[in-house]
Amino acid sequence: MSYQPHKGFFILLLLLLFGAGSIGCRNLEQRPVMKIGYMNCNSEAETMARFKPLTAYLSEQLGIDFEVVPVDTQDFEERFAAGEFAFGHSNSLLYIMLKETQQAQLIATEKRGQYGARTAGAIISKKGSGITTLEDLKGKRMLYGPQLAPSGYLAQYDLMLQVGLDPEVDLAYYAIPHGSFKHEKVVYGVYFGEYDVAAAPALDLELMIAEGRVTADDFNIIAQSEIIPYCTFSAARSVPNDLVVKFRKALLSLTPETTVDYNGERIRVLDSAWITGFDQLTDGDYDPIRRMAKNANMPPYQEF
C-alpha cells in the first residue's frame, strides 16, 4: 500500500517555505550606508582610534551604517564638495569655508577643555626670554601651526594685525612644522629654544600642562585671542533636515556614561573620543572667526 501524506504535512511544508522566503527577504534588506569625513588633527591613526567608537554609536542611534573617512585638512573642502562624505567633523574655520562655498548645515560643536565648545589661540614665548608684549615680536622668529588652524594660525595672525604688526614683514622669519602633531611641535619649538615665539592653541597648551609635559611657568602668554567655536559637525546641504535633527540629537544626548559595543567591548563613547560632550551653537557664534579670516585675507574671503 502506497504512503499518502496527511494534509497537515502539506500545510507544514507551505509554512516552512513561506517562512524561509520571508527570512530571505529580511536578509536582503540592508541599512543605508553613509560616510562621515573626519579631519586629521594629529595623524590618521589617531583620528581612526578616536572617532570609530563615536561613529559606531551614531550608527546604532540612527539605524545607518556610517563609515569613517579620515581627511587631511588641506583636502577637506575639495573632498566635501566632491560628495565623498555627507557629514563632516572639522575645525571651525573649515566649517565656515564649507558653509560659504557649499551651504553646509551646522549640526553641533564639540566640547573639550576649559572653554567647553569654544577655544582660543595664544602667542607664547619662553619665560626669561624678555619677550612679553606683541611689540616685542618685531624681528623675532615665530613658529605657527597649520595655516587652516583657527586657534593655531589664524587667531595669532589676526592678533598681530590688530596691533599693526604684519607677520610677513615684521617677523624675521616664520615657519610651520612638518608632519604630524604640529601643535605640540609649536610648543616644544619655543620650549627648546629653536624659535623665539609660537602660535599655540590654548587647548593644546592646557593639555600638555595637565599631562606634565611642560609647566605653566615655562612660558609667557604674550597675548590670547577671544574665544571662538571649537571643532564642528556639519552636513551637506543635500542631507534631509530630519536626518540632521536626529544626528544632532544623538550628539547632544551623549553623557560620560554613554557606551557602545565596539570590537567586542562596551566602551565609553566620549572618553574614547577625548571629548566631554557637544553643544548646539548658532551660525552667528562663528562670526568672530569670519572677522579674523577677512582681516587676515584667508579662505573663504581671500582676495588676490
Protein backbone atom coordinates (compact mmCIF):
# COMPACT_ATOMS: atom_id res chain seq x y z
CA MET A 1 0.00 0.00 0.00
CA SER A 2 1.40 3.39 -1.05
CA TYR A 3 2.03 6.14 1.51
CA GLN A 4 -0.43 9.07 1.39
CA PRO A 5 0.89 12.16 3.19
CA HIS A 6 -1.53 13.72 5.63
CA LYS A 7 -2.86 17.12 4.59
CA GLY A 8 -1.22 18.56 7.73
CA PHE A 9 2.13 17.72 6.17
CA PHE A 10 1.43 19.96 3.17
CA ILE A 11 0.35 22.81 5.42
CA LEU A 12 3.56 22.50 7.43
CA LEU A 13 5.61 22.42 4.23
CA LEU A 14 3.93 25.60 2.92
CA LEU A 15 4.53 27.36 6.23
CA LEU A 16 8.21 26.41 6.13
CA LEU A 17 8.58 27.59 2.53
CA PHE A 18 6.87 30.94 3.14
CA GLY A 19 8.81 31.38 6.38
CA ALA A 20 12.11 30.74 4.64
CA GLY A 21 11.16 33.17 1.92
CA SER A 22 10.34 35.94 4.38
CA ILE A 23 13.62 35.33 6.24
CA GLY A 24 15.46 35.57 2.94
CA CYS A 25 13.79 38.90 2.20
CA ARG A 26 14.77 40.22 5.61
CA ASN A 27 18.34 39.16 4.99
CA LEU A 28 18.31 41.09 1.72
CA GLU A 29 17.22 44.26 3.49
CA GLN A 30 20.25 46.45 4.16
CA ARG A 31 20.62 49.55 6.25
CA PRO A 32 21.62 52.69 4.38
CA VAL A 33 25.34 53.48 4.27
CA MET A 34 26.69 57.00 4.70
CA LYS A 35 30.18 58.42 5.19
CA ILE A 36 31.49 60.87 7.78
CA GLY A 37 34.68 62.74 6.94
CA TYR A 38 36.86 63.37 9.99
CA MET A 39 39.62 65.95 9.74
CA ASN A 40 43.00 64.54 10.69
CA CYS A 41 44.26 66.67 13.53
CA ASN A 42 47.50 64.95 14.56
CA SER A 43 47.51 61.77 12.48
CA GLU A 44 45.19 59.44 10.58
CA ALA A 45 45.79 56.63 13.09
CA GLU A 46 44.74 58.88 15.97
CA THR A 47 41.65 60.03 14.07
CA MET A 48 40.51 56.45 13.45
CA ALA A 49 41.12 55.41 17.06
CA ARG A 50 39.27 58.40 18.49
CA PHE A 51 36.23 58.53 16.26
CA LYS A 52 35.38 54.96 15.22
CA PRO A 53 33.54 54.28 18.51
CA LEU A 54 31.63 57.58 18.20
CA THR A 55 30.70 56.60 14.64
CA ALA A 56 29.52 53.18 15.87
CA TYR A 57 27.31 54.99 18.40
CA LEU A 58 25.81 57.19 15.66
CA SER A 59 25.16 54.10 13.53
CA GLU A 60 23.39 52.46 16.46
CA GLN A 61 21.26 55.52 17.21
CA LEU A 62 20.28 56.44 13.64
CA GLY A 63 20.00 52.99 12.03
CA ILE A 64 22.56 53.94 9.39
CA ASP A 65 25.88 52.24 8.73
CA PHE A 66 28.22 55.20 8.99
CA GLU A 67 31.75 54.84 7.69
CA VAL A 68 34.78 56.79 8.93
CA VAL A 69 36.72 58.69 6.26
CA PRO A 70 39.95 60.30 7.54
CA VAL A 71 40.63 63.52 5.60
CA ASP A 72 43.69 65.77 5.57
CA THR A 73 42.90 69.38 6.47
CA GLN A 74 44.00 70.87 3.15
CA ASP A 75 41.85 68.37 1.20
CA PHE A 76 38.71 68.68 3.30
CA GLU A 77 36.80 71.31 1.34
CA GLU A 78 37.53 69.75 -2.04
CA ARG A 79 36.53 66.24 -0.97
CA PHE A 80 33.37 67.52 0.75
CA ALA A 81 32.42 69.43 -2.39
CA ALA A 82 33.01 66.29 -4.46
CA GLY A 83 30.45 64.43 -2.33
CA GLU A 84 32.86 61.91 -0.83
CA PHE A 85 31.11 62.22 2.53
CA ALA A 86 27.75 63.65 3.60
CA PHE A 87 28.76 64.63 7.13
CA GLY A 88 31.95 66.31 8.25
CA HIS A 89 33.84 66.78 11.51
CA SER A 90 36.36 69.59 11.16
CA ASN A 91 37.81 72.64 12.80
CA SER A 92 35.63 75.75 12.90
CA LEU A 93 37.40 77.59 10.07
CA LEU A 94 36.78 74.66 7.74
CA TYR A 95 33.11 74.70 8.77
CA ILE A 96 32.91 78.35 7.70
CA MET A 97 34.55 77.50 4.38
CA LEU A 98 32.02 74.70 3.82
CA LYS A 99 29.16 76.97 4.86
CA GLU A 100 30.20 79.76 2.49
CA THR A 101 31.06 77.63 -0.55
CA GLN A 102 28.86 74.53 -0.14
CA GLN A 103 25.99 75.76 2.07
CA ALA A 104 26.87 73.18 4.72
CA GLN A 105 24.42 72.75 7.60
CA LEU A 106 25.63 73.30 11.16
CA ILE A 107 24.95 70.33 13.44
CA ALA A 108 26.81 70.62 16.76
CA THR A 109 30.08 71.79 18.28
CA GLU A 110 32.48 69.60 20.24
CA LYS A 111 33.27 70.38 23.90
CA ARG A 112 36.76 69.89 25.30
CA GLY A 113 38.95 71.72 27.81
CA GLN A 114 38.30 74.76 29.99
CA TYR A 115 36.29 76.67 27.37
CA GLY A 116 33.91 73.82 26.51
CA ALA A 117 32.58 74.25 22.97
CA ARG A 118 34.96 77.15 22.42
CA THR A 119 38.71 77.62 22.32
CA ALA A 120 41.33 80.34 21.80
CA GLY A 121 44.70 80.95 20.24
CA ALA A 122 47.72 82.17 22.24
CA ILE A 123 51.11 83.60 21.38
CA ILE A 124 53.78 82.29 23.75
CA SER A 125 57.46 82.85 24.49
CA LYS A 126 59.91 81.13 26.81
CA LYS A 127 59.94 82.50 30.36
CA GLY A 128 63.04 84.61 30.80
CA SER A 129 63.32 85.46 27.11
CA GLY A 130 62.37 89.09 27.66
CA ILE A 131 59.64 88.75 25.02
CA THR A 132 56.46 89.72 26.85
CA THR A 133 54.42 92.02 24.56
CA LEU A 134 53.21 91.93 20.97
CA GLU A 135 55.54 94.81 20.16
CA ASP A 136 58.46 92.58 21.21
CA LEU A 137 57.68 90.27 18.26
CA LYS A 138 59.37 92.58 15.76
CA GLY A 139 62.42 90.89 14.27
CA LYS A 140 61.74 87.58 16.05
CA ARG A 141 61.50 84.02 14.77
CA MET A 142 57.98 82.58 15.07
CA LEU A 143 56.53 79.10 14.71
CA TYR A 144 52.91 78.76 13.54
CA GLY A 145 50.58 75.79 13.40
CA PRO A 146 48.84 74.62 10.18
CA GLN A 147 47.61 77.53 8.06
CA LEU A 148 43.95 76.46 8.26
CA ALA A 149 44.06 76.06 12.06
CA PRO A 150 41.79 78.70 13.63
CA SER A 151 43.47 78.60 17.06
CA GLY A 152 46.95 77.67 15.83
CA TYR A 153 47.45 80.14 13.00
CA LEU A 154 44.51 82.40 12.17
CA ALA A 155 43.86 83.78 15.67
CA GLN A 156 47.54 84.64 16.20
CA TYR A 157 47.92 86.19 12.74
CA ASP A 158 44.89 88.34 13.48
CA LEU A 159 46.23 89.36 16.90
CA MET A 160 49.36 90.74 15.27
CA LEU A 161 47.44 92.57 12.55
CA GLN A 162 45.20 94.19 15.16
CA VAL A 163 48.20 96.00 16.70
CA GLY A 164 49.69 96.96 13.36
CA LEU A 165 52.20 94.14 13.01
CA ASP A 166 52.44 92.38 9.66
CA PRO A 167 53.80 88.84 10.12
CA GLU A 168 55.02 88.89 6.52
CA VAL A 169 57.13 91.99 7.17
CA ASP A 170 57.77 92.45 10.88
CA LEU A 171 58.93 88.94 11.79
CA ALA A 172 62.49 87.95 10.95
CA TYR A 173 61.23 84.52 9.94
CA TYR A 174 58.28 82.22 10.49
CA ALA A 175 57.64 78.57 9.75
CA ILE A 176 55.11 75.75 10.06
CA PRO A 177 56.34 72.34 11.31
CA HIS A 178 56.25 69.32 9.02
CA GLY A 179 54.50 66.03 9.73
CA SER A 180 52.06 65.11 12.48
CA PHE A 181 51.42 66.67 15.89
CA LYS A 182 52.15 70.19 14.63
CA HIS A 183 50.55 71.94 17.62
CA GLU A 184 52.80 70.09 20.06
CA LYS A 185 55.83 70.81 17.91
CA VAL A 186 54.97 74.51 18.06
CA VAL A 187 55.05 74.48 21.87
CA TYR A 188 58.23 72.42 22.00
CA GLY A 189 59.85 74.69 19.41
CA VAL A 190 59.76 77.53 21.93
CA TYR A 191 60.40 75.29 24.94
CA PHE A 192 63.69 74.04 23.46
CA GLY A 193 64.70 77.46 22.14
CA GLU A 194 64.52 76.77 18.40
CA TYR A 195 62.11 79.69 17.97
CA ASP A 196 61.52 82.90 19.91
CA VAL A 197 57.71 82.79 19.90
CA ALA A 198 54.96 80.41 18.84
CA ALA A 199 51.28 80.30 17.93
CA ALA A 200 49.96 77.82 20.48
CA PRO A 201 46.33 76.72 20.69
CA ALA A 202 45.15 77.36 24.25
CA LEU A 203 43.69 73.85 24.44
CA ASP A 204 46.90 72.08 23.40
CA LEU A 205 48.90 74.12 25.90
CA GLU A 206 46.32 73.30 28.58
CA LEU A 207 46.53 69.57 27.84
CA MET A 208 50.33 69.49 27.72
CA ILE A 209 50.47 71.22 31.12
CA ALA A 210 47.85 68.85 32.58
CA GLU A 211 49.85 65.86 31.34
CA GLY A 212 53.07 67.21 32.86
CA ARG A 213 54.96 67.55 29.59
CA VAL A 214 55.52 71.26 30.20
CA THR A 215 54.55 73.62 33.02
CA ALA A 216 52.71 76.93 33.01
CA ASP A 217 55.82 78.55 34.47
CA ASP A 218 57.81 77.65 31.34
CA PHE A 219 56.08 80.29 29.20
CA ASN A 220 54.91 83.85 28.89
CA ILE A 221 51.43 84.20 27.43
CA ILE A 222 52.08 87.29 25.31
CA ALA A 223 48.52 87.54 24.01
CA GLN A 224 45.39 85.43 23.70
CA SER A 225 42.53 85.77 21.23
CA GLU A 226 38.85 85.99 22.01
CA ILE A 227 37.26 82.58 22.41
CA ILE A 228 35.88 81.00 19.24
CA PRO A 229 33.93 77.81 18.43
CA TYR A 230 35.85 74.55 18.57
CA CYS A 231 35.63 71.51 16.24
CA THR A 232 32.29 71.20 14.49
CA PHE A 233 30.00 68.62 12.90
CA SER A 234 28.28 69.76 9.71
CA ALA A 235 26.23 68.17 6.94
CA ALA A 236 25.97 68.61 3.20
CA ARG A 237 23.05 70.74 2.04
CA SER A 238 21.58 67.62 0.38
CA VAL A 239 21.11 65.84 3.73
CA PRO A 240 17.41 65.96 4.72
CA ASN A 241 16.61 68.20 7.67
CA ASP A 242 15.02 65.39 9.69
CA LEU A 243 18.25 63.38 9.47
CA VAL A 244 20.30 66.43 10.55
CA VAL A 245 17.98 66.83 13.54
CA LYS A 246 18.37 63.16 14.52
CA PHE A 247 22.15 63.36 14.11
CA ARG A 248 22.26 66.45 16.33
CA LYS A 249 20.00 64.87 18.94
CA ALA A 250 22.25 61.81 19.12
CA LEU A 251 25.31 64.01 19.71
CA LEU A 252 23.63 66.25 22.29
CA SER A 253 22.32 63.18 24.13
CA LEU A 254 25.82 61.86 24.84
CA THR A 255 26.81 61.75 28.51
CA PRO A 256 30.00 60.49 30.21
CA GLU A 257 28.14 57.24 30.92
CA THR A 258 27.06 56.58 27.31
CA THR A 259 28.59 53.36 25.98
CA VAL A 260 28.70 51.47 22.71
CA ASP A 261 29.71 47.97 21.60
CA TYR A 262 32.96 48.26 19.69
CA ASN A 263 35.40 45.47 18.81
CA GLY A 264 33.81 43.15 21.33
CA GLU A 265 33.95 45.64 24.18
CA ARG A 266 31.49 48.01 25.79
CA ILE A 267 33.31 51.35 25.91
CA ARG A 268 32.51 54.94 26.88
CA VAL A 269 31.93 56.97 23.73
CA LEU A 270 33.09 60.38 24.96
CA ASP A 271 36.19 59.02 26.69
CA SER A 272 37.28 57.23 23.54
CA ALA A 273 36.88 60.46 21.53
CA TRP A 274 38.72 62.57 24.17
CA ILE A 275 35.83 65.00 24.47
CA THR A 276 33.32 65.99 27.15
CA GLY A 277 30.22 66.37 25.00
CA PHE A 278 28.57 68.53 22.34
CA ASP A 279 26.82 71.89 22.37
CA GLN A 280 24.34 73.46 19.93
CA LEU A 281 25.79 76.80 18.83
CA THR A 282 24.34 79.09 16.18
CA ASP A 283 26.00 80.02 12.92
CA GLY A 284 26.30 83.56 14.29
CA ASP A 285 28.60 82.25 17.04
CA TYR A 286 31.17 81.67 14.29
CA ASP A 287 31.23 85.34 13.24
CA PRO A 288 34.44 86.12 15.19
CA ILE A 289 36.26 83.59 13.01
CA ARG A 290 34.77 85.20 9.91
CA ARG A 291 36.10 88.56 11.06
CA MET A 292 39.56 87.07 11.66
CA ALA A 293 39.63 85.39 8.25
CA LYS A 294 38.61 88.60 6.48
CA ASN A 295 41.20 90.60 8.39
CA ALA A 296 43.94 88.08 7.58
CA ASN A 297 42.85 87.71 3.93
CA MET A 298 42.29 83.99 4.40
CA PRO A 299 39.77 81.48 2.99
CA PRO A 300 36.97 81.72 2.23
CA TYR A 301 37.34 85.50 1.98
CA GLN A 302 40.80 85.84 0.47
CA GLU A 303 41.35 88.45 -2.22
CA PHE A 304 44.30 88.02 -4.52
